[in-house]
PDB file of N, CA and C in Angstrom:
ATOM      1  N   MET A   1      -5.203  -4.353 -23.793  1.00  0.00           N
ATOM      2  CA  MET A   1      -5.116  -3.458 -22.841  1.00  0.00           C
ATOM      3  C   MET A   1      -3.735  -3.679 -22.060  1.00  0.00           C
ATOM      4  N   GLY A   2      -2.738  -2.787 -22.121  1.00  0.00           N
ATOM      5  CA  GLY A   2      -1.499  -2.920 -21.512  1.00  0.00           C
ATOM      6  C   GLY A   2      -1.657  -2.514 -20.010  1.00  0.00           C
ATOM      7  N   THR A   3      -0.584  -2.649 -19.334  1.00  0.00           N
ATOM      8  CA  THR A   3      -0.575  -2.158 -17.960  1.00  0.00           C
ATOM      9  C   THR A   3       0.754  -1.562 -17.599  1.00  0.00           C
ATOM     10  N   LEU A   4       0.756  -0.424 -16.906  1.00  0.00           N
ATOM     11  CA  LEU A   4       1.978   0.159 -16.483  1.00  0.00           C
ATOM     12  C   LEU A   4       2.064  -0.050 -14.897  1.00  0.00           C
ATOM     13  N   TYR A   5       3.052  -0.566 -14.484  1.00  0.00           N
ATOM     14  CA  TYR A   5       3.228  -0.949 -13.033  1.00  0.00           C
ATOM     15  C   TYR A   5       4.168   0.240 -12.561  1.00  0.00           C
ATOM     16  N   TYR A   6       3.849   1.021 -11.685  1.00  0.00           N
ATOM     17  CA  TYR A   6       4.749   2.000 -11.094  1.00  0.00           C
ATOM     18  C   TYR A   6       4.831   2.089  -9.709  1.00  0.00           C
ATOM     19  N   GLY A   7       6.028   2.092  -9.238  1.00  0.00           N
ATOM     20  CA  GLY A   7       6.266   2.222  -7.728  1.00  0.00           C
ATOM     21  C   GLY A   7       5.988   0.746  -7.087  1.00  0.00           C
ATOM     22  N   GLY A   8       5.844  -0.213  -7.761  1.00  0.00           N
ATOM     23  CA  GLY A   8       5.722  -1.623  -7.095  1.00  0.00           C
ATOM     24  C   GLY A   8       4.502  -2.314  -7.916  1.00  0.00           C
ATOM     25  N   GLU A   9       4.330  -3.491  -7.551  1.00  0.00           N
ATOM     26  CA  GLU A   9       3.343  -4.332  -8.281  1.00  0.00           C
ATOM     27  C   GLU A   9       1.953  -3.886  -7.927  1.00  0.00           C
ATOM     28  N   SER A  10       1.718  -3.188  -6.768  1.00  0.00           N
ATOM     29  CA  SER A  10       0.456  -2.972  -6.385  1.00  0.00           C
ATOM     30  C   SER A  10      -0.146  -1.702  -7.114  1.00  0.00           C
ATOM     31  N   THR A  11       0.608  -0.869  -7.785  1.00  0.00           N
ATOM     32  CA  THR A  11       0.088   0.324  -8.560  1.00  0.00           C
ATOM     33  C   THR A  11       0.028  -0.238 -10.048  1.00  0.00           C
ATOM     34  N   ALA A  12      -1.070  -0.417 -10.598  1.00  0.00           N
ATOM     35  CA  ALA A  12      -1.278  -0.655 -11.846  1.00  0.00           C
ATOM     36  C   ALA A  12      -2.143   0.277 -12.572  1.00  0.00           C
ATOM     37  N   VAL A  13      -1.578   0.692 -13.658  1.00  0.00           N
ATOM     38  CA  VAL A  13      -2.506   1.736 -14.669  1.00  0.00           C
ATOM     39  C   VAL A  13      -2.707   0.978 -15.890  1.00  0.00           C
ATOM     40  N   HIS A  14      -3.906   0.856 -16.245  1.00  0.00           N
ATOM     41  CA  HIS A  14      -4.354   0.146 -17.402  1.00  0.00           C
ATOM     42  C   HIS A  14      -4.398   0.997 -18.654  1.00  0.00           C
ATOM     43  N   ILE A  15      -3.610   0.891 -19.641  1.00  0.00           N
ATOM     44  CA  ILE A  15      -3.476   1.788 -20.760  1.00  0.00           C
ATOM     45  C   ILE A  15      -3.600   0.978 -22.105  1.00  0.00           C
ATOM     46  N   GLU A  16      -4.226   1.451 -23.054  1.00  0.00           N
ATOM     47  CA  GLU A  16      -4.328   0.647 -24.289  1.00  0.00           C
ATOM     48  C   GLU A  16      -2.977   0.330 -24.905  1.00  0.00           C
ATOM     49  N   ASP A  17      -2.661  -0.854 -25.484  1.00  0.00           N
ATOM     50  CA  ASP A  17      -1.359  -1.319 -25.862  1.00  0.00           C
ATOM     51  C   ASP A  17      -0.658  -0.216 -26.787  1.00  0.00           C
ATOM     52  N   ARG A  18      -1.204   0.207 -27.599  1.00  0.00           N
ATOM     53  CA  ARG A  18      -0.747   1.178 -28.609  1.00  0.00           C
ATOM     54  C   ARG A  18      -0.238   2.458 -27.922  1.00  0.00           C
ATOM     55  N   ALA A  19      -1.105   3.022 -27.154  1.00  0.00           N
ATOM     56  CA  ALA A  19      -0.763   4.263 -26.352  1.00  0.00           C
ATOM     57  C   ALA A  19       0.299   3.911 -25.372  1.00  0.00           C
ATOM     58  N   LEU A  20       0.388   2.870 -24.766  1.00  0.00           N
ATOM     59  CA  LEU A  20       1.505   2.362 -23.794  1.00  0.00           C
ATOM     60  C   LEU A  20       2.851   2.378 -24.605  1.00  0.00           C
ATOM     61  N   ALA A  21       2.796   1.813 -25.772  1.00  0.00           N
ATOM     62  CA  ALA A  21       3.956   1.588 -26.557  1.00  0.00           C
ATOM     63  C   ALA A  21       4.738   3.031 -26.909  1.00  0.00           C
ATOM     64  N   HIS A  22       3.824   3.881 -27.164  1.00  0.00           N
ATOM     65  CA  HIS A  22       4.251   5.241 -27.495  1.00  0.00           C
ATOM     66  C   HIS A  22       4.801   5.986 -26.159  1.00  0.00           C
ATOM     67  N   LEU A  23       4.012   5.806 -25.044  1.00  0.00           N
ATOM     68  CA  LEU A  23       4.368   6.366 -23.820  1.00  0.00           C
ATOM     69  C   LEU A  23       5.679   5.800 -23.413  1.00  0.00           C
ATOM     70  N   LYS A  24       5.900   4.430 -23.551  1.00  0.00           N
ATOM     71  CA  LYS A  24       7.222   3.795 -23.259  1.00  0.00           C
ATOM     72  C   LYS A  24       8.428   4.465 -23.742  1.00  0.00           C
ATOM     73  N   VAL A  25       8.364   4.711 -25.108  1.00  0.00           N
ATOM     74  CA  VAL A  25       9.455   5.343 -25.819  1.00  0.00           C
ATOM     75  C   VAL A  25       9.787   6.698 -25.169  1.00  0.00           C
ATOM     76  N   VAL A  26       8.819   7.440 -24.954  1.00  0.00           N
ATOM     77  CA  VAL A  26       9.062   8.787 -24.376  1.00  0.00           C
ATOM     78  C   VAL A  26       9.621   8.634 -22.862  1.00  0.00           C
ATOM     79  N   ILE A  27       9.027   7.825 -22.115  1.00  0.00           N
ATOM     80  CA  ILE A  27       9.441   7.806 -20.706  1.00  0.00           C
ATOM     81  C   ILE A  27      10.868   7.186 -20.564  1.00  0.00           C
ATOM     82  N   ALA A  28      11.077   6.151 -21.476  1.00  0.00           N
ATOM     83  CA  ALA A  28      12.480   5.606 -21.315  1.00  0.00           C
ATOM     84  C   ALA A  28      13.503   6.494 -21.868  1.00  0.00           C
ATOM     85  N   THR A  29      13.148   7.395 -22.756  1.00  0.00           N
ATOM     86  CA  THR A  29      14.192   8.426 -23.197  1.00  0.00           C
ATOM     87  C   THR A  29      14.467   9.391 -22.147  1.00  0.00           C
ATOM     88  N   LYS A  30      13.409   9.854 -21.473  1.00  0.00           N
ATOM     89  CA  LYS A  30      13.547  10.863 -20.356  1.00  0.00           C
ATOM     90  C   LYS A  30      14.284  10.273 -19.173  1.00  0.00           C
ATOM     91  N   LEU A  31      13.903   9.044 -18.850  1.00  0.00           N
ATOM     92  CA  LEU A  31      14.673   8.351 -17.635  1.00  0.00           C
ATOM     93  C   LEU A  31      16.120   7.968 -18.043  1.00  0.00           C
ATOM     94  N   ARG A  32      16.504   7.758 -19.176  1.00  0.00           N
ATOM     95  CA  ARG A  32      17.801   7.545 -19.553  1.00  0.00           C
ATOM     96  C   ARG A  32      18.692   8.720 -19.365  1.00  0.00           C
ATOM     97  N   ARG A  33      17.997   9.873 -19.583  1.00  0.00           N
ATOM     98  CA  ARG A  33      18.673  11.250 -19.299  1.00  0.00           C
ATOM     99  C   ARG A  33      18.725  11.586 -17.881  1.00  0.00           C
ATOM    100  N   GLY A  34      17.996  10.964 -16.891  1.00  0.00           N
ATOM    101  CA  GLY A  34      17.821  11.222 -15.530  1.00  0.00           C
ATOM    102  C   GLY A  34      16.907  12.278 -15.319  1.00  0.00           C
ATOM    103  N   GLU A  35      15.949  12.425 -16.218  1.00  0.00           N
ATOM    104  CA  GLU A  35      15.004  13.460 -15.978  1.00  0.00           C
ATOM    105  C   GLU A  35      13.727  13.023 -15.341  1.00  0.00           C
ATOM    106  N   SER A  36      13.225  13.702 -14.338  1.00  0.00           N
ATOM    107  CA  SER A  36      11.847  13.377 -13.770  1.00  0.00           C
ATOM    108  C   SER A  36      10.835  14.355 -14.452  1.00  0.00           C
ATOM    109  N   PHE A  37       9.493  13.816 -14.401  1.00  0.00           N
ATOM    110  CA  PHE A  37       8.573  14.479 -14.967  1.00  0.00           C
ATOM    111  C   PHE A  37       7.060  13.902 -14.550  1.00  0.00           C
ATOM    112  N   THR A  38       6.024  14.509 -14.945  1.00  0.00           N
ATOM    113  CA  THR A  38       4.623  13.952 -14.620  1.00  0.00           C
ATOM    114  C   THR A  38       4.134  13.299 -15.889  1.00  0.00           C
ATOM    115  N   VAL A  39       3.208  12.298 -15.652  1.00  0.00           N
ATOM    116  CA  VAL A  39       2.390  11.710 -16.774  1.00  0.00           C
ATOM    117  C   VAL A  39       0.963  11.770 -16.231  1.00  0.00           C
ATOM    118  N   SER A  40       0.018  12.431 -17.050  1.00  0.00           N
ATOM    119  CA  SER A  40      -1.341  12.533 -16.656  1.00  0.00           C
ATOM    120  C   SER A  40      -2.297  11.922 -17.677  1.00  0.00           C
ATOM    121  N   TRP A  41      -3.475  11.484 -17.251  1.00  0.00           N
ATOM    122  CA  TRP A  41      -4.469  10.836 -18.104  1.00  0.00           C
ATOM    123  C   TRP A  41      -5.677  10.947 -17.540  1.00  0.00           C
ATOM    124  N   ARG A  42      -6.763  11.071 -18.275  1.00  0.00           N
ATOM    125  CA  ARG A  42      -8.250  11.087 -18.024  1.00  0.00           C
ATOM    126  C   ARG A  42      -8.645   9.676 -17.700  1.00  0.00           C
ATOM    127  N   HIS A  43      -9.432   9.533 -16.666  1.00  0.00           N
ATOM    128  CA  HIS A  43      -9.874   8.025 -16.440  1.00  0.00           C
ATOM    129  C   HIS A  43     -10.947   7.609 -17.478  1.00  0.00           C
ATOM    130  N   PRO A  44     -10.680   6.262 -17.752  1.00  0.00           N
ATOM    131  CA  PRO A  44     -11.678   5.683 -18.899  1.00  0.00           C
ATOM    132  C   PRO A  44     -13.070   5.686 -18.446  1.00  0.00           C
ATOM    133  N   ASP A  45     -13.801   5.517 -19.217  1.00  0.00           N
ATOM    134  CA  ASP A  45     -15.342   5.568 -18.968  1.00  0.00           C
ATOM    135  C   ASP A  45     -15.850   4.715 -18.077  1.00  0.00           C
ATOM    136  N   ASP A  46     -15.228   3.436 -17.901  1.00  0.00           N
ATOM    137  CA  ASP A  46     -15.452   2.486 -16.889  1.00  0.00           C
ATOM    138  C   ASP A  46     -15.126   2.743 -15.635  1.00  0.00           C
ATOM    139  N   GLN A  47     -14.463   3.791 -15.306  1.00  0.00           N
ATOM    140  CA  GLN A  47     -13.924   4.222 -14.035  1.00  0.00           C
ATOM    141  C   GLN A  47     -14.615   5.433 -13.537  1.00  0.00           C
ATOM    142  N   PRO A  48     -14.381   5.793 -12.155  1.00  0.00           N
ATOM    143  CA  PRO A  48     -15.008   7.069 -11.739  1.00  0.00           C
ATOM    144  C   PRO A  48     -14.439   8.303 -12.461  1.00  0.00           C
ATOM    145  N   ARG A  49     -15.196   9.160 -12.793  1.00  0.00           N
ATOM    146  CA  ARG A  49     -14.846  10.444 -13.512  1.00  0.00           C
ATOM    147  C   ARG A  49     -13.631  11.031 -12.875  1.00  0.00           C
ATOM    148  N   GLY A  50     -12.782  11.591 -13.838  1.00  0.00           N
ATOM    149  CA  GLY A  50     -11.513  12.252 -13.252  1.00  0.00           C
ATOM    150  C   GLY A  50     -10.335  12.073 -14.016  1.00  0.00           C
ATOM    151  N   ARG A  51      -9.237  12.424 -13.368  1.00  0.00           N
ATOM    152  CA  ARG A  51      -8.009  12.301 -14.000  1.00  0.00           C
ATOM    153  C   ARG A  51      -7.000  12.065 -12.987  1.00  0.00           C
ATOM    154  N   SER A  52      -5.870  11.394 -13.382  1.00  0.00           N
ATOM    155  CA  SER A  52      -4.840  11.107 -12.501  1.00  0.00           C
ATOM    156  C   SER A  52      -3.495  11.605 -13.028  1.00  0.00           C
ATOM    157  N   THR A  53      -2.485  11.778 -12.134  1.00  0.00           N
ATOM    158  CA  THR A  53      -1.229  12.155 -12.452  1.00  0.00           C
ATOM    159  C   THR A  53      -0.129  11.472 -11.572  1.00  0.00           C
ATOM    160  N   VAL A  54       0.897  11.001 -12.126  1.00  0.00           N
ATOM    161  CA  VAL A  54       2.029  10.299 -11.417  1.00  0.00           C
ATOM    162  C   VAL A  54       3.239  11.124 -11.701  1.00  0.00           C
ATOM    163  N   TRP A  55       4.138  11.035 -10.787  1.00  0.00           N
ATOM    164  CA  TRP A  55       5.498  11.597 -10.745  1.00  0.00           C
ATOM    165  C   TRP A  55       6.507  10.568 -11.253  1.00  0.00           C
ATOM    166  N   ILE A  56       6.985  10.648 -12.366  1.00  0.00           N
ATOM    167  CA  ILE A  56       8.018   9.745 -12.871  1.00  0.00           C
ATOM    168  C   ILE A  56       9.470  10.124 -12.496  1.00  0.00           C
ATOM    169  N   HIS A  57      10.153   9.279 -11.883  1.00  0.00           N
ATOM    170  CA  HIS A  57      11.395   9.556 -11.325  1.00  0.00           C
ATOM    171  C   HIS A  57      12.378   8.296 -11.629  1.00  0.00           C
ATOM    172  N   PRO A  58      13.709   8.472 -11.940  1.00  0.00           N
ATOM    173  CA  PRO A  58      14.446   7.322 -12.271  1.00  0.00           C
ATOM    174  C   PRO A  58      14.609   6.329 -11.215  1.00  0.00           C
ATOM    175  N   SER A  59      14.500   6.554  -9.880  1.00  0.00           N
ATOM    176  CA  SER A  59      14.657   5.722  -8.838  1.00  0.00           C
ATOM    177  C   SER A  59      13.464   4.821  -8.493  1.00  0.00           C
ATOM    178  N   ILE A  60      12.250   5.109  -9.126  1.00  0.00           N
ATOM    179  CA  ILE A  60      10.947   4.445  -8.825  1.00  0.00           C
ATOM    180  C   ILE A  60      10.887   3.343  -9.824  1.00  0.00           C
ATOM    181  N   PRO A  61      10.509   2.052  -9.388  1.00  0.00           N
ATOM    182  CA  PRO A  61      10.344   0.965 -10.272  1.00  0.00           C
ATOM    183  C   PRO A  61       9.282   1.252 -11.280  1.00  0.00           C
ATOM    184  N   LEU A  62       9.570   0.739 -12.424  1.00  0.00           N
ATOM    185  CA  LEU A  62       8.503   0.969 -13.528  1.00  0.00           C
ATOM    186  C   LEU A  62       8.600  -0.242 -14.521  1.00  0.00           C
ATOM    187  N   ARG A  63       7.451  -0.807 -14.931  1.00  0.00           N
ATOM    188  CA  ARG A  63       7.369  -1.844 -15.667  1.00  0.00           C
ATOM    189  C   ARG A  63       6.249  -1.711 -16.620  1.00  0.00           C
ATOM    190  N   PHE A  64       6.432  -1.951 -17.956  1.00  0.00           N
ATOM    191  CA  PHE A  64       5.434  -2.037 -18.984  1.00  0.00           C
ATOM    192  C   PHE A  64       5.028  -3.451 -19.428  1.00  0.00           C
ATOM    193  N   VAL A  65       3.771  -3.732 -19.344  1.00  0.00           N
ATOM    194  CA  VAL A  65       3.290  -5.046 -19.683  1.00  0.00           C
ATOM    195  C   VAL A  65       2.222  -4.887 -20.870  1.00  0.00           C
ATOM    196  N   PHE A  66       2.468  -5.494 -21.926  1.00  0.00           N
ATOM    197  CA  PHE A  66       1.593  -5.440 -23.142  1.00  0.00           C
ATOM    198  C   PHE A  66       0.818  -6.751 -23.417  1.00  0.00           C
ATOM    199  N   ASP A  67      -0.449  -6.709 -23.761  1.00  0.00           N
ATOM    200  CA  ASP A  67      -1.286  -7.816 -23.940  1.00  0.00           C
ATOM    201  C   ASP A  67      -0.827  -8.492 -25.362  1.00  0.00           C
ATOM    202  N   ASP A  68      -0.666  -7.604 -26.258  1.00  0.00           N
ATOM    203  CA  ASP A  68      -0.320  -7.918 -27.730  1.00  0.00           C
ATOM    204  C   ASP A  68       1.225  -8.504 -27.638  1.00  0.00           C
ATOM    205  N   PRO A  69       1.572  -9.634 -28.098  1.00  0.00           N
ATOM    206  CA  PRO A  69       2.939 -10.072 -28.154  1.00  0.00           C
ATOM    207  C   PRO A  69       3.842  -9.488 -29.236  1.00  0.00           C
ATOM    208  N   GLU A  70       3.124  -8.823 -30.234  1.00  0.00           N
ATOM    209  CA  GLU A  70       3.860  -7.996 -31.249  1.00  0.00           C
ATOM    210  C   GLU A  70       4.004  -6.571 -30.887  1.00  0.00           C
ATOM    211  N   PRO A  71       5.165  -5.997 -31.218  1.00  0.00           N
ATOM    212  CA  PRO A  71       5.323  -4.697 -30.890  1.00  0.00           C
ATOM    213  C   PRO A  71       4.362  -3.687 -31.816  1.00  0.00           C
ATOM    214  N   ALA A  72       3.869  -2.641 -31.269  1.00  0.00           N
ATOM    215  CA  ALA A  72       3.004  -1.766 -31.940  1.00  0.00           C
ATOM    216  C   ALA A  72       3.997  -0.896 -33.102  1.00  0.00           C
ATOM    217  N   GLN A  73       3.367  -0.666 -34.230  1.00  0.00           N
ATOM    218  CA  GLN A  73       3.928   0.342 -35.105  1.00  0.00           C
ATOM    219  C   GLN A  73       3.762   1.715 -34.651  1.00  0.00           C
ATOM    220  N   LEU A  74       4.923   2.365 -34.410  1.00  0.00           N
ATOM    221  CA  LEU A  74       4.796   3.594 -33.630  1.00  0.00           C
ATOM    222  C   LEU A  74       4.555   4.856 -34.760  1.00  0.00           C
ATOM    223  N   SER A  75       3.838   5.899 -34.350  1.00  0.00           N
ATOM    224  CA  SER A  75       3.628   6.988 -35.027  1.00  0.00           C
ATOM    225  C   SER A  75       4.694   8.088 -34.656  1.00  0.00           C
ATOM    226  N   ARG A  76       5.399   8.636 -35.566  1.00  0.00           N
ATOM    227  CA  ARG A  76       6.358   9.435 -35.223  1.00  0.00           C
ATOM    228  C   ARG A  76       5.832  10.922 -34.662  1.00  0.00           C
ATOM    229  N   SER A  77       4.722  11.171 -35.245  1.00  0.00           N
ATOM    230  CA  SER A  77       4.145  12.512 -34.823  1.00  0.00           C
ATOM    231  C   SER A  77       3.499  12.438 -33.437  1.00  0.00           C
ATOM    232  N   TRP A  78       3.044  11.295 -33.031  1.00  0.00           N
ATOM    233  CA  TRP A  78       2.560  10.942 -31.752  1.00  0.00           C
ATOM    234  C   TRP A  78       3.639  10.962 -30.661  1.00  0.00           C
ATOM    235  N   VAL A  79       4.599  10.240 -31.011  1.00  0.00           N
ATOM    236  CA  VAL A  79       5.827  10.336 -30.020  1.00  0.00           C
ATOM    237  C   VAL A  79       6.444  11.768 -29.859  1.00  0.00           C
ATOM    238  N   GLU A  80       6.470  12.452 -31.045  1.00  0.00           N
ATOM    239  CA  GLU A  80       6.961  13.829 -30.899  1.00  0.00           C
ATOM    240  C   GLU A  80       5.959  14.662 -29.998  1.00  0.00           C
ATOM    241  N   GLU A  81       4.871  14.488 -30.188  1.00  0.00           N
ATOM    242  CA  GLU A  81       3.837  15.288 -29.491  1.00  0.00           C
ATOM    243  C   GLU A  81       3.815  14.983 -27.932  1.00  0.00           C
ATOM    244  N   LEU A  82       4.055  13.614 -27.622  1.00  0.00           N
ATOM    245  CA  LEU A  82       4.192  13.226 -26.297  1.00  0.00           C
ATOM    246  C   LEU A  82       5.539  13.772 -25.657  1.00  0.00           C
ATOM    247  N   ALA A  83       6.672  13.579 -26.506  1.00  0.00           N
ATOM    248  CA  ALA A  83       7.861  14.112 -25.984  1.00  0.00           C
ATOM    249  C   ALA A  83       8.018  15.730 -25.699  1.00  0.00           C
ATOM    250  N   SER A  84       7.152  16.386 -26.607  1.00  0.00           N
ATOM    251  CA  SER A  84       7.137  17.775 -26.412  1.00  0.00           C
ATOM    252  C   SER A  84       6.476  18.148 -25.067  1.00  0.00           C
ATOM    253  N   SER A  85       5.348  17.414 -24.928  1.00  0.00           N
ATOM    254  CA  SER A  85       4.611  17.748 -23.702  1.00  0.00           C
ATOM    255  C   SER A  85       5.458  17.207 -22.446  1.00  0.00           C
ATOM    256  N   ALA A  86       6.277  16.209 -22.537  1.00  0.00           N
ATOM    257  CA  ALA A  86       7.121  15.786 -21.316  1.00  0.00           C
ATOM    258  C   ALA A  86       8.033  16.800 -21.084  1.00  0.00           C
ATOM    259  N   SER A  87       8.422  17.582 -21.866  1.00  0.00           N
ATOM    260  CA  SER A  87       9.443  18.776 -21.641  1.00  0.00           C
ATOM    261  C   SER A  87       8.752  19.972 -21.147  1.00  0.00           C
ATOM    262  N   SER A  88       7.463  20.030 -21.164  1.00  0.00           N
ATOM    263  CA  SER A  88       6.808  21.210 -20.631  1.00  0.00           C
ATOM    264  C   SER A  88       6.530  21.203 -19.250  1.00  0.00           C
ATOM    265  N   SER A  89       6.125  22.154 -18.513  1.00  0.00           N
ATOM    266  CA  SER A  89       5.979  22.312 -17.157  1.00  0.00           C
ATOM    267  C   SER A  89       4.808  21.428 -16.720  1.00  0.00           C
ATOM    268  N   GLY A  90       3.817  21.233 -17.556  1.00  0.00           N
ATOM    269  CA  GLY A  90       2.633  20.286 -17.207  1.00  0.00           C
ATOM    270  C   GLY A  90       3.025  18.917 -17.249  1.00  0.00           C
ATOM    271  N   GLY A  91       4.205  18.422 -17.917  1.00  0.00           N
ATOM    272  CA  GLY A  91       4.444  17.112 -18.042  1.00  0.00           C
ATOM    273  C   GLY A  91       3.693  16.486 -19.202  1.00  0.00           C
ATOM    274  N   ILE A  92       3.933  15.200 -19.357  1.00  0.00           N
ATOM    275  CA  ILE A  92       3.160  14.385 -20.258  1.00  0.00           C
ATOM    276  C   ILE A  92       1.481  14.326 -20.099  1.00  0.00           C
ATOM    277  N   MET A  93       0.761  14.751 -20.987  1.00  0.00           N
ATOM    278  CA  MET A  93      -0.727  14.485 -20.978  1.00  0.00           C
ATOM    279  C   MET A  93      -0.883  13.376 -21.976  1.00  0.00           C
ATOM    280  N   LEU A  94      -1.344  12.149 -21.594  1.00  0.00           N
ATOM    281  CA  LEU A  94      -1.657  11.136 -22.560  1.00  0.00           C
ATOM    282  C   LEU A  94      -2.756  11.558 -23.299  1.00  0.00           C
ATOM    283  N   ILE A  95      -2.528  11.685 -24.532  1.00  0.00           N
ATOM    284  CA  ILE A  95      -3.830  12.291 -25.374  1.00  0.00           C
ATOM    285  C   ILE A  95      -3.968  11.185 -26.489  1.00  0.00           C
ATOM    286  N   ALA A  96      -5.181  11.242 -27.102  1.00  0.00           N
ATOM    287  CA  ALA A  96      -5.510  10.398 -28.332  1.00  0.00           C
ATOM    288  C   ALA A  96      -4.585  10.547 -29.298  1.00  0.00           C
ATOM    289  N   GLU A  97      -4.280   9.662 -30.201  1.00  0.00           N
ATOM    290  CA  GLU A  97      -3.530   9.563 -31.210  1.00  0.00           C
ATOM    291  C   GLU A  97      -4.105  10.379 -32.512  1.00  0.00           C
ATOM    292  N   HIS A  98      -3.254  11.243 -33.085  1.00  0.00           N
ATOM    293  CA  HIS A  98      -3.633  11.868 -34.393  1.00  0.00           C
ATOM    294  C   HIS A  98      -3.005  11.095 -35.496  1.00  0.00           C
ATOM    295  N   PHE A  99      -3.784  10.416 -36.156  1.00  0.00           N
ATOM    296  CA  PHE A  99      -3.254   9.279 -37.063  1.00  0.00           C
ATOM    297  C   PHE A  99      -2.481  10.005 -38.218  1.00  0.00           C
ATOM    298  N   ASP A 100      -1.283   9.459 -38.565  1.00  0.00           N
ATOM    299  CA  ASP A 100      -0.522   9.980 -39.589  1.00  0.00           C
ATOM    300  C   ASP A 100       0.018   8.828 -40.484  1.00  0.00           C
ATOM    301  N   THR A 101       0.630   9.184 -41.584  1.00  0.00           N
ATOM    302  CA  THR A 101       1.106   8.068 -42.447  1.00  0.00           C
ATOM    303  C   THR A 101       2.641   7.721 -42.159  1.00  0.00           C
ATOM    304  N   GLU A 102       3.191   8.679 -41.434  1.00  0.00           N
ATOM    305  CA  GLU A 102       4.715   8.489 -41.160  1.00  0.00           C
ATOM    306  C   GLU A 102       4.882   7.571 -39.806  1.00  0.00           C
ATOM    307  N   SER A 103       5.394   6.448 -39.881  1.00  0.00           N
ATOM    308  CA  SER A 103       5.645   5.686 -38.817  1.00  0.00           C
ATOM    309  C   SER A 103       7.140   5.615 -38.578  1.00  0.00           C
ATOM    310  N   MET A 104       7.450   5.092 -37.247  1.00  0.00           N
ATOM    311  CA  MET A 104       8.864   4.853 -37.033  1.00  0.00           C
ATOM    312  C   MET A 104       9.189   3.423 -36.552  1.00  0.00           C
ATOM    313  N   ASP A 105      10.304   2.918 -36.852  1.00  0.00           N
ATOM    314  CA  ASP A 105      10.566   1.568 -36.427  1.00  0.00           C
ATOM    315  C   ASP A 105      11.435   1.590 -35.206  1.00  0.00           C
ATOM    316  N   VAL A 106      10.894   1.038 -34.112  1.00  0.00           N
ATOM    317  CA  VAL A 106      11.482   0.900 -32.852  1.00  0.00           C
ATOM    318  C   VAL A 106      13.038   0.506 -32.795  1.00  0.00           C
ATOM    319  N   ALA A 107      13.121  -0.725 -33.675  1.00  0.00           N
ATOM    320  CA  ALA A 107      14.532  -1.329 -33.834  1.00  0.00           C
ATOM    321  C   ALA A 107      15.462  -0.220 -34.487  1.00  0.00           C
ATOM    322  N   ASP A 108      14.956   0.510 -35.606  1.00  0.00           N
ATOM    323  CA  ASP A 108      15.880   1.505 -36.169  1.00  0.00           C
ATOM    324  C   ASP A 108      16.191   2.534 -35.138  1.00  0.00           C
ATOM    325  N   ASP A 109      15.205   2.963 -34.299  1.00  0.00           N
ATOM    326  CA  ASP A 109      15.373   4.055 -33.347  1.00  0.00           C
ATOM    327  C   ASP A 109      16.423   3.612 -32.335  1.00  0.00           C
ATOM    328  N   ALA A 110      16.323   2.409 -31.971  1.00  0.00           N
ATOM    329  CA  ALA A 110      17.243   1.881 -30.887  1.00  0.00           C
ATOM    330  C   ALA A 110      18.820   1.845 -31.283  1.00  0.00           C
ATOM    331  N   ARG A 111      18.822   1.420 -32.648  1.00  0.00           N
ATOM    332  CA  ARG A 111      20.282   1.303 -33.242  1.00  0.00           C
ATOM    333  C   ARG A 111      20.824   2.754 -33.386  1.00  0.00           C
ATOM    334  N   GLN A 112      20.064   3.628 -33.496  1.00  0.00           N
ATOM    335  CA  GLN A 112      20.540   5.130 -33.603  1.00  0.00           C
ATOM    336  C   GLN A 112      20.749   5.740 -32.393  1.00  0.00           C
ATOM    337  N   GLY A 113      20.363   5.200 -31.279  1.00  0.00           N
ATOM    338  CA  GLY A 113      20.378   5.843 -29.961  1.00  0.00           C
ATOM    339  C   GLY A 113      18.993   6.545 -29.793  1.00  0.00           C
ATOM    340  N   SER A 114      18.949   7.596 -29.114  1.00  0.00           N
ATOM    341  CA  SER A 114      17.705   8.416 -29.062  1.00  0.00           C
ATOM    342  C   SER A 114      17.362   9.166 -30.160  1.00  0.00           C
ATOM    343  N   SER A 115      16.189   9.124 -30.515  1.00  0.00           N
ATOM    344  CA  SER A 115      15.601   9.799 -31.703  1.00  0.00           C
ATOM    345  C   SER A 115      15.636  11.384 -31.608  1.00  0.00           C
ATOM    346  N   SER A 116      16.129  12.082 -32.561  1.00  0.00           N
ATOM    347  CA  SER A 116      16.073  13.496 -32.580  1.00  0.00           C
ATOM    348  C   SER A 116      14.872  14.094 -32.139  1.00  0.00           C
ATOM    349  N   ALA A 117      13.636  13.126 -32.332  1.00  0.00           N
ATOM    350  CA  ALA A 117      12.288  13.793 -32.102  1.00  0.00           C
ATOM    351  C   ALA A 117      12.161  13.874 -30.643  1.00  0.00           C
ATOM    352  N   LEU A 118      13.005  13.125 -29.890  1.00  0.00           N
ATOM    353  CA  LEU A 118      12.723  13.073 -28.326  1.00  0.00           C
ATOM    354  C   LEU A 118      13.834  13.974 -27.737  1.00  0.00           C
ATOM    355  N   ALA A 119      14.673  14.785 -28.340  1.00  0.00           N
ATOM    356  CA  ALA A 119      15.638  15.655 -27.902  1.00  0.00           C
ATOM    357  C   ALA A 119      15.269  16.845 -27.117  1.00  0.00           C
TER     358      ALA A 119
END
């Protein structure tokens, strides 16, 4: 289980490592462009029922912490789906992964700049 720290060390959001890795790619791309947006998610079963939304802005501190020391293999379709929702008026809605056979290499993506899937 990874952790997203937003707006300081006291605000911690626990997100499964693989989902957090995908979210990180999309958030980093949007913030690099100076864009603000929201991220929403449903509360896990072990928390009170409901959902949360945070406003992501380039000036607010943000840190991603992963439990797994190895980077996750990313799904291109999941990144594209999250990126598409990030550009909508509703912002990113963290959704479950739709498994596919096409993955993307984070190192390849970093060498090429931002992915066309995140444009």
